[in-house]
Amino acid sequence: MPAEAWGYADIEDVQFANGRFILVGANGFLATSPDGGLWTRHATRCQNDLRSIHYADGREFPIVVGNHN
Protein backbone atom coordinates (compact mmCIF):
# COMPACT_ATOMS: atom_id res chain seq x y z
CA MET A 1 0.00 0.00 0.00
CA PRO A 2 1.20 3.54 -0.55
CA ALA A 3 2.47 5.22 2.63
CA GLU A 4 -0.26 7.89 2.36
CA ALA A 5 -2.86 5.20 3.11
CA TRP A 6 -1.64 4.90 6.72
CA GLY A 7 -2.60 8.41 7.65
CA TYR A 8 -0.29 10.03 10.19
CA ALA A 9 2.48 7.84 11.52
CA ASP A 10 5.32 9.05 13.74
CA ILE A 11 8.23 7.56 11.81
CA GLU A 12 11.45 7.24 13.80
CA ASP A 13 13.90 5.46 11.48
CA VAL A 14 14.23 3.83 8.06
CA GLN A 15 17.04 1.62 6.73
CA PHE A 16 17.77 -0.18 3.47
CA ALA A 17 19.57 -3.54 3.38
CA ASN A 18 19.28 -6.90 1.66
CA GLY A 19 17.13 -5.37 -1.07
CA ARG A 20 14.40 -3.95 1.18
CA PHE A 21 13.51 -0.91 3.20
CA ILE A 22 12.38 -1.33 6.79
CA LEU A 23 10.70 1.47 8.69
CA VAL A 24 9.86 1.80 12.41
CA GLY A 25 7.88 4.31 14.44
CA ALA A 26 5.45 5.12 17.23
CA ASN A 27 3.16 2.55 18.87
CA GLY A 28 4.98 -0.47 17.44
CA PHE A 29 4.79 0.73 13.83
CA LEU A 30 6.78 -1.52 11.44
CA ALA A 31 6.64 -1.62 7.65
CA THR A 32 8.77 -3.03 4.82
CA SER A 33 9.12 -2.18 1.14
CA PRO A 34 11.12 -3.57 -1.78
CA ASP A 35 11.17 -0.21 -3.58
CA GLY A 36 10.32 2.59 -1.10
CA GLY A 37 6.98 3.20 -2.83
CA LEU A 38 4.74 0.29 -1.92
CA TRP A 39 4.80 -0.68 1.75
CA THR A 40 3.55 -3.62 3.80
CA ARG A 41 2.65 -2.85 7.40
CA HIS A 42 3.43 -5.62 9.92
CA ALA A 43 1.75 -6.33 13.26
CA THR A 44 4.25 -6.20 16.14
CA ARG A 45 2.03 -6.66 19.22
CA CYS A 46 4.09 -3.83 20.69
CA GLN A 47 2.56 -0.66 22.14
CA ASN A 48 5.94 1.00 22.71
CA ASP A 49 7.61 3.33 20.26
CA LEU A 50 10.17 1.68 17.99
CA ARG A 51 13.01 4.20 17.89
CA SER A 52 15.77 2.77 15.74
CA ILE A 53 16.65 -0.13 13.49
CA HIS A 54 20.11 -1.41 12.60
CA TYR A 55 21.45 -3.74 9.94
CA ALA A 56 23.77 -6.37 11.40
CA ASP A 57 25.56 -9.48 10.18
CA GLY A 58 24.06 -9.25 6.72
CA ARG A 59 20.67 -10.60 7.79
CA GLU A 60 19.32 -9.18 11.05
CA PHE A 61 17.42 -6.03 11.99
CA PRO A 62 17.64 -5.46 15.76
CA ILE A 63 15.08 -2.84 16.81
CA VAL A 64 15.53 -0.40 19.69
CA VAL A 65 12.34 0.15 21.68
CA GLY A 66 11.57 3.02 24.07
CA ASN A 67 9.13 5.70 25.09
CA HIS A 68 9.86 9.32 25.92
CA ASN A 69 8.95 10.33 29.47
PDB file of N, CA and C in Angstrom:
ATOM      1  N   MET A   1       0.837  -1.175   0.000  1.00  0.00           N
ATOM      2  CA  MET A   1       0.000   0.000   0.000  1.00  0.00           C
ATOM      3  C   MET A   1       0.877   1.232   0.000  1.00  0.00           C
ATOM      4  N   PRO A   2       0.432   2.293  -0.614  1.00  0.00           N
ATOM      5  CA  PRO A   2       1.198   3.545  -0.552  1.00  0.00           C
ATOM      6  C   PRO A   2       1.235   4.073   0.884  1.00  0.00           C
ATOM      7  N   ALA A   3       2.323   4.710   1.259  1.00  0.00           N
ATOM      8  CA  ALA A   3       2.474   5.220   2.626  1.00  0.00           C
ATOM      9  C   ALA A   3       1.356   6.178   3.006  1.00  0.00           C
ATOM     10  N   GLU A   4       0.808   6.929   2.058  1.00  0.00           N
ATOM     11  CA  GLU A   4      -0.257   7.890   2.362  1.00  0.00           C
ATOM     12  C   GLU A   4      -1.498   7.202   2.935  1.00  0.00           C
ATOM     13  N   ALA A   5      -1.683   5.936   2.653  1.00  0.00           N
ATOM     14  CA  ALA A   5      -2.864   5.203   3.114  1.00  0.00           C
ATOM     15  C   ALA A   5      -2.859   4.978   4.624  1.00  0.00           C
ATOM     16  N   TRP A   6      -1.709   5.103   5.278  1.00  0.00           N
ATOM     17  CA  TRP A   6      -1.638   4.898   6.719  1.00  0.00           C
ATOM     18  C   TRP A   6      -2.209   6.059   7.488  1.00  0.00           C
ATOM     19  N   GLY A   7      -2.299   7.216   6.882  1.00  0.00           N
ATOM     20  CA  GLY A   7      -2.601   8.410   7.645  1.00  0.00           C
ATOM     21  C   GLY A   7      -1.330   8.848   8.354  1.00  0.00           C
ATOM     22  N   TYR A   8      -1.464   9.548   9.460  1.00  0.00           N
ATOM     23  CA  TYR A   8      -0.293  10.031  10.186  1.00  0.00           C
ATOM     24  C   TYR A   8       0.390   8.886  10.920  1.00  0.00           C
ATOM     25  N   ALA A   9       1.671   8.789  10.763  1.00  0.00           N
ATOM     26  CA  ALA A   9       2.480   7.838  11.523  1.00  0.00           C
ATOM     27  C   ALA A   9       3.747   8.559  11.954  1.00  0.00           C
ATOM     28  N   ASP A  10       4.102   8.434  13.212  1.00  0.00           N
ATOM     29  CA  ASP A  10       5.316   9.051  13.742  1.00  0.00           C
ATOM     30  C   ASP A  10       6.484   8.133  13.406  1.00  0.00           C
ATOM     31  N   ILE A  11       7.133   8.391  12.285  1.00  0.00           N
ATOM     32  CA  ILE A  11       8.227   7.560  11.807  1.00  0.00           C
ATOM     33  C   ILE A  11       9.515   7.963  12.513  1.00  0.00           C
ATOM     34  N   GLU A  12      10.220   6.982  13.065  1.00  0.00           N
ATOM     35  CA  GLU A  12      11.454   7.240  13.804  1.00  0.00           C
ATOM     36  C   GLU A  12      12.707   6.931  12.990  1.00  0.00           C
ATOM     37  N   ASP A  13      12.687   5.860  12.191  1.00  0.00           N
ATOM     38  CA  ASP A  13      13.899   5.461  11.479  1.00  0.00           C
ATOM     39  C   ASP A  13      13.533   4.615  10.264  1.00  0.00           C
ATOM     40  N   VAL A  14      14.378   4.673   9.239  1.00  0.00           N
ATOM     41  CA  VAL A  14      14.234   3.826   8.062  1.00  0.00           C
ATOM     42  C   VAL A  14      15.632   3.405   7.615  1.00  0.00           C
ATOM     43  N   GLN A  15      15.767   2.151   7.217  1.00  0.00           N
ATOM     44  CA  GLN A  15      17.040   1.624   6.727  1.00  0.00           C
ATOM     45  C   GLN A  15      16.792   0.811   5.462  1.00  0.00           C
ATOM     46  N   PHE A  16      17.839   0.659   4.657  1.00  0.00           N
ATOM     47  CA  PHE A  16      17.770  -0.184   3.472  1.00  0.00           C
ATOM     48  C   PHE A  16      18.909  -1.192   3.537  1.00  0.00           C
ATOM     49  N   ALA A  17      18.563  -2.472   3.402  1.00  0.00           N
ATOM     50  CA  ALA A  17      19.571  -3.536   3.384  1.00  0.00           C
ATOM     51  C   ALA A  17      18.940  -4.792   2.818  1.00  0.00           C
ATOM     52  N   ASN A  18      19.752  -5.632   2.233  1.00  0.00           N
ATOM     53  CA  ASN A  18      19.280  -6.902   1.659  1.00  0.00           C
ATOM     54  C   ASN A  18      18.122  -6.700   0.691  1.00  0.00           C
ATOM     55  N   GLY A  19      18.139  -5.602  -0.051  1.00  0.00           N
ATOM     56  CA  GLY A  19      17.128  -5.371  -1.069  1.00  0.00           C
ATOM     57  C   GLY A  19      15.769  -4.933  -0.573  1.00  0.00           C
ATOM     58  N   ARG A  20      15.686  -4.435   0.668  1.00  0.00           N
ATOM     59  CA  ARG A  20      14.400  -3.951   1.176  1.00  0.00           C
ATOM     60  C   ARG A  20      14.598  -2.802   2.154  1.00  0.00           C
ATOM     61  N   PHE A  21      13.583  -1.963   2.201  1.00  0.00           N
ATOM     62  CA  PHE A  21      13.512  -0.907   3.200  1.00  0.00           C
ATOM     63  C   PHE A  21      12.753  -1.458   4.398  1.00  0.00           C
ATOM     64  N   ILE A  22      13.134  -1.020   5.584  1.00  0.00           N
ATOM     65  CA  ILE A  22      12.381  -1.331   6.793  1.00  0.00           C
ATOM     66  C   ILE A  22      12.248  -0.044   7.588  1.00  0.00           C
ATOM     67  N   LEU A  23      11.056   0.196   8.071  1.00  0.00           N
ATOM     68  CA  LEU A  23      10.702   1.470   8.689  1.00  0.00           C
ATOM     69  C   LEU A  23      10.058   1.184  10.045  1.00  0.00           C
ATOM     70  N   VAL A  24      10.435   1.955  11.076  1.00  0.00           N
ATOM     71  CA  VAL A  24       9.861   1.795  12.410  1.00  0.00           C
ATOM     72  C   VAL A  24       9.373   3.132  12.934  1.00  0.00           C
ATOM     73  N   GLY A  25       8.417   3.075  13.891  1.00  0.00           N
ATOM     74  CA  GLY A  25       7.878   4.310  14.443  1.00  0.00           C
ATOM     75  C   GLY A  25       7.064   4.095  15.704  1.00  0.00           C
ATOM     76  N   ALA A  26       6.228   5.071  16.000  1.00  0.00           N
ATOM     77  CA  ALA A  26       5.448   5.117  17.233  1.00  0.00           C
ATOM     78  C   ALA A  26       4.459   3.958  17.332  1.00  0.00           C
ATOM     79  N   ASN A  27       4.169   3.566  18.563  1.00  0.00           N
ATOM     80  CA  ASN A  27       3.164   2.548  18.875  1.00  0.00           C
ATOM     81  C   ASN A  27       3.394   1.231  18.146  1.00  0.00           C
ATOM     82  N   GLY A  28       4.655   0.814  18.047  1.00  0.00           N
ATOM     83  CA  GLY A  28       4.977  -0.466  17.435  1.00  0.00           C
ATOM     84  C   GLY A  28       4.892  -0.495  15.927  1.00  0.00           C
ATOM     85  N   PHE A  29       4.921   0.665  15.284  1.00  0.00           N
ATOM     86  CA  PHE A  29       4.790   0.729  13.830  1.00  0.00           C
ATOM     87  C   PHE A  29       6.000   0.096  13.142  1.00  0.00           C
ATOM     88  N   LEU A  30       5.735  -0.846  12.219  1.00  0.00           N
ATOM     89  CA  LEU A  30       6.779  -1.517  11.445  1.00  0.00           C
ATOM     90  C   LEU A  30       6.257  -1.779  10.044  1.00  0.00           C
ATOM     91  N   ALA A  31       7.033  -1.395   9.039  1.00  0.00           N
ATOM     92  CA  ALA A  31       6.638  -1.621   7.650  1.00  0.00           C
ATOM     93  C   ALA A  31       7.878  -1.933   6.820  1.00  0.00           C
ATOM     94  N   THR A  32       7.679  -2.696   5.732  1.00  0.00           N
ATOM     95  CA  THR A  32       8.765  -3.028   4.817  1.00  0.00           C
ATOM     96  C   THR A  32       8.351  -2.708   3.388  1.00  0.00           C
ATOM     97  N   SER A  33       9.373  -2.493   2.543  1.00  0.00           N
ATOM     98  CA  SER A  33       9.122  -2.180   1.140  1.00  0.00           C
ATOM     99  C   SER A  33      10.297  -2.639   0.288  1.00  0.00           C
ATOM    100  N   PRO A  34      10.022  -3.213  -0.874  1.00  0.00           N
ATOM    101  CA  PRO A  34      11.118  -3.573  -1.780  1.00  0.00           C
ATOM    102  C   PRO A  34      11.627  -2.377  -2.588  1.00  0.00           C
ATOM    103  N   ASP A  35      10.821  -1.313  -2.691  1.00  0.00           N
ATOM    104  CA  ASP A  35      11.168  -0.210  -3.580  1.00  0.00           C
ATOM    105  C   ASP A  35      10.996   1.186  -2.968  1.00  0.00           C
ATOM    106  N   GLY A  36      10.536   1.300  -1.742  1.00  0.00           N
ATOM    107  CA  GLY A  36      10.316   2.594  -1.099  1.00  0.00           C
ATOM    108  C   GLY A  36       9.023   3.266  -1.511  1.00  0.00           C
ATOM    109  N   GLY A  37       8.248   2.629  -2.368  1.00  0.00           N
ATOM    110  CA  GLY A  37       6.982   3.201  -2.828  1.00  0.00           C
ATOM    111  C   GLY A  37       5.773   2.445  -2.324  1.00  0.00           C
ATOM    112  N   LEU A  38       5.826   1.134  -2.424  1.00  0.00           N
ATOM    113  CA  LEU A  38       4.740   0.285  -1.919  1.00  0.00           C
ATOM    114  C   LEU A  38       5.212  -0.391  -0.642  1.00  0.00           C
ATOM    115  N   TRP A  39       4.410  -0.227   0.414  1.00  0.00           N
ATOM    116  CA  TRP A  39       4.797  -0.683   1.748  1.00  0.00           C
ATOM    117  C   TRP A  39       3.823  -1.731   2.271  1.00  0.00           C
ATOM    118  N   THR A  40       4.359  -2.639   3.083  1.00  0.00           N
ATOM    119  CA  THR A  40       3.552  -3.619   3.804  1.00  0.00           C
ATOM    120  C   THR A  40       3.723  -3.355   5.284  1.00  0.00           C
ATOM    121  N   ARG A  41       2.608  -3.084   5.957  1.00  0.00           N
ATOM    122  CA  ARG A  41       2.651  -2.855   7.401  1.00  0.00           C
ATOM    123  C   ARG A  41       2.575  -4.199   8.108  1.00  0.00           C
ATOM    124  N   HIS A  42       3.362  -4.363   9.187  1.00  0.00           N
ATOM    125  CA  HIS A  42       3.432  -5.617   9.923  1.00  0.00           C
ATOM    126  C   HIS A  42       2.961  -5.423  11.364  1.00  0.00           C
ATOM    127  N   ALA A  43       2.194  -6.363  11.865  1.00  0.00           N
ATOM    128  CA  ALA A  43       1.754  -6.335  13.261  1.00  0.00           C
ATOM    129  C   ALA A  43       2.940  -6.700  14.153  1.00  0.00           C
ATOM    130  N   THR A  44       3.129  -5.941  15.228  1.00  0.00           N
ATOM    131  CA  THR A  44       4.249  -6.204  16.135  1.00  0.00           C
ATOM    132  C   THR A  44       3.807  -6.619  17.536  1.00  0.00           C
ATOM    133  N   ARG A  45       2.535  -6.409  17.863  1.00  0.00           N
ATOM    134  CA  ARG A  45       2.026  -6.659  19.224  1.00  0.00           C
ATOM    135  C   ARG A  45       2.768  -5.820  20.266  1.00  0.00           C
ATOM    136  N   CYS A  46       3.322  -4.717  19.821  1.00  0.00           N
ATOM    137  CA  CYS A  46       4.089  -3.831  20.688  1.00  0.00           C
ATOM    138  C   CYS A  46       3.376  -2.486  20.756  1.00  0.00           C
ATOM    139  N   GLN A  47       3.172  -1.972  21.957  1.00  0.00           N
ATOM    140  CA  GLN A  47       2.563  -0.664  22.135  1.00  0.00           C
ATOM    141  C   GLN A  47       3.615   0.429  22.323  1.00  0.00           C
ATOM    142  N   ASN A  48       4.862   0.028  22.514  1.00  0.00           N
ATOM    143  CA  ASN A  48       5.940   0.998  22.713  1.00  0.00           C
ATOM    144  C   ASN A  48       6.389   1.584  21.377  1.00  0.00           C
ATOM    145  N   ASP A  49       7.047   2.713  21.457  1.00  0.00           N
ATOM    146  CA  ASP A  49       7.606   3.333  20.264  1.00  0.00           C
ATOM    147  C   ASP A  49       8.858   2.580  19.836  1.00  0.00           C
ATOM    148  N   LEU A  50       8.971   2.291  18.549  1.00  0.00           N
ATOM    149  CA  LEU A  50      10.173   1.682  17.988  1.00  0.00           C
ATOM    150  C   LEU A  50      11.046   2.825  17.494  1.00  0.00           C
ATOM    151  N   ARG A  51      12.196   3.007  18.102  1.00  0.00           N
ATOM    152  CA  ARG A  51      13.010   4.199  17.889  1.00  0.00           C
ATOM    153  C   ARG A  51      14.059   4.069  16.791  1.00  0.00           C
ATOM    154  N   SER A  52      14.638   2.896  16.651  1.00  0.00           N
ATOM    155  CA  SER A  52      15.771   2.770  15.741  1.00  0.00           C
ATOM    156  C   SER A  52      15.886   1.344  15.244  1.00  0.00           C
ATOM    157  N   ILE A  53      16.437   1.199  14.064  1.00  0.00           N
ATOM    158  CA  ILE A  53      16.647  -0.126  13.488  1.00  0.00           C
ATOM    159  C   ILE A  53      18.044  -0.164  12.888  1.00  0.00           C
ATOM    160  N   HIS A  54      18.718  -1.300  13.042  1.00  0.00           N
ATOM    161  CA  HIS A  54      20.107  -1.412  12.596  1.00  0.00           C
ATOM    162  C   HIS A  54      20.323  -2.697  11.822  1.00  0.00           C
ATOM    163  N   TYR A  55      21.077  -2.599  10.754  1.00  0.00           N
ATOM    164  CA  TYR A  55      21.448  -3.742   9.937  1.00  0.00           C
ATOM    165  C   TYR A  55      22.685  -4.382  10.553  1.00  0.00           C
ATOM    166  N   ALA A  56      22.635  -5.695  10.775  1.00  0.00           N
ATOM    167  CA  ALA A  56      23.773  -6.369  11.399  1.00  0.00           C
ATOM    168  C   ALA A  56      23.982  -7.757  10.797  1.00  0.00           C
ATOM    169  N   ASP A  57      25.192  -8.136  10.629  1.00  0.00           N
ATOM    170  CA  ASP A  57      25.560  -9.483  10.179  1.00  0.00           C
ATOM    171  C   ASP A  57      24.944  -9.887   8.850  1.00  0.00           C
ATOM    172  N   GLY A  58      24.570  -8.932   8.024  1.00  0.00           N
ATOM    173  CA  GLY A  58      24.057  -9.251   6.718  1.00  0.00           C
ATOM    174  C   GLY A  58      22.676  -9.861   6.678  1.00  0.00           C
ATOM    175  N   ARG A  59      21.980  -9.961   7.825  1.00  0.00           N
ATOM    176  CA  ARG A  59      20.674 -10.597   7.794  1.00  0.00           C
ATOM    177  C   ARG A  59      19.720 -10.183   8.907  1.00  0.00           C
ATOM    178  N   GLU A  60      20.165  -9.467   9.896  1.00  0.00           N
ATOM    179  CA  GLU A  60      19.322  -9.177  11.048  1.00  0.00           C
ATOM    180  C   GLU A  60      18.999  -7.696  11.148  1.00  0.00           C
ATOM    181  N   PHE A  61      17.860  -7.410  11.746  1.00  0.00           N
ATOM    182  CA  PHE A  61      17.423  -6.035  11.991  1.00  0.00           C
ATOM    183  C   PHE A  61      17.040  -5.878  13.464  1.00  0.00           C
ATOM    184  N   PRO A  62      18.021  -5.741  14.371  1.00  0.00           N
ATOM    185  CA  PRO A  62      17.644  -5.457  15.763  1.00  0.00           C
ATOM    186  C   PRO A  62      16.915  -4.121  15.848  1.00  0.00           C
ATOM    187  N   ILE A  63      15.874  -4.059  16.657  1.00  0.00           N
ATOM    188  CA  ILE A  63      15.078  -2.841  16.814  1.00  0.00           C
ATOM    189  C   ILE A  63      15.204  -2.331  18.229  1.00  0.00           C
ATOM    190  N   VAL A  64      15.450  -1.030  18.379  1.00  0.00           N
ATOM    191  CA  VAL A  64      15.531  -0.397  19.691  1.00  0.00           C
ATOM    192  C   VAL A  64      14.152   0.156  20.043  1.00  0.00           C
ATOM    193  N   VAL A  65      13.662  -0.238  21.234  1.00  0.00           N
ATOM    194  CA  VAL A  65      12.336   0.153  21.684  1.00  0.00           C
ATOM    195  C   VAL A  65      12.466   1.110  22.853  1.00  0.00           C
ATOM    196  N   GLY A  66      11.584   2.121  22.916  1.00  0.00           N
ATOM    197  CA  GLY A  66      11.574   3.016  24.066  1.00  0.00           C
ATOM    198  C   GLY A  66      10.523   4.088  23.937  1.00  0.00           C
ATOM    199  N   ASN A  67      10.095   4.609  25.058  1.00  0.00           N
ATOM    200  CA  ASN A  67       9.135   5.705  25.090  1.00  0.00           C
ATOM    201  C   ASN A  67       9.778   6.909  25.740  1.00  0.00           C
ATOM    202  N   HIS A  68       9.411   8.096  25.268  1.00  0.00           N
ATOM    203  CA  HIS A  68       9.863   9.323  25.917  1.00  0.00           C
ATOM    204  C   HIS A  68       9.043   9.538  27.174  1.00  0.00           C
ATOM    205  N   ASN A  69       9.677  10.024  28.225  1.00  0.00           N
ATOM    206  CA  ASN A  69       8.953  10.332  29.471  1.00  0.00           C
ATOM    207  C   ASN A  69       8.743  11.811  29.570  1.00  0.00           C
TER     208      ASN A  69
END
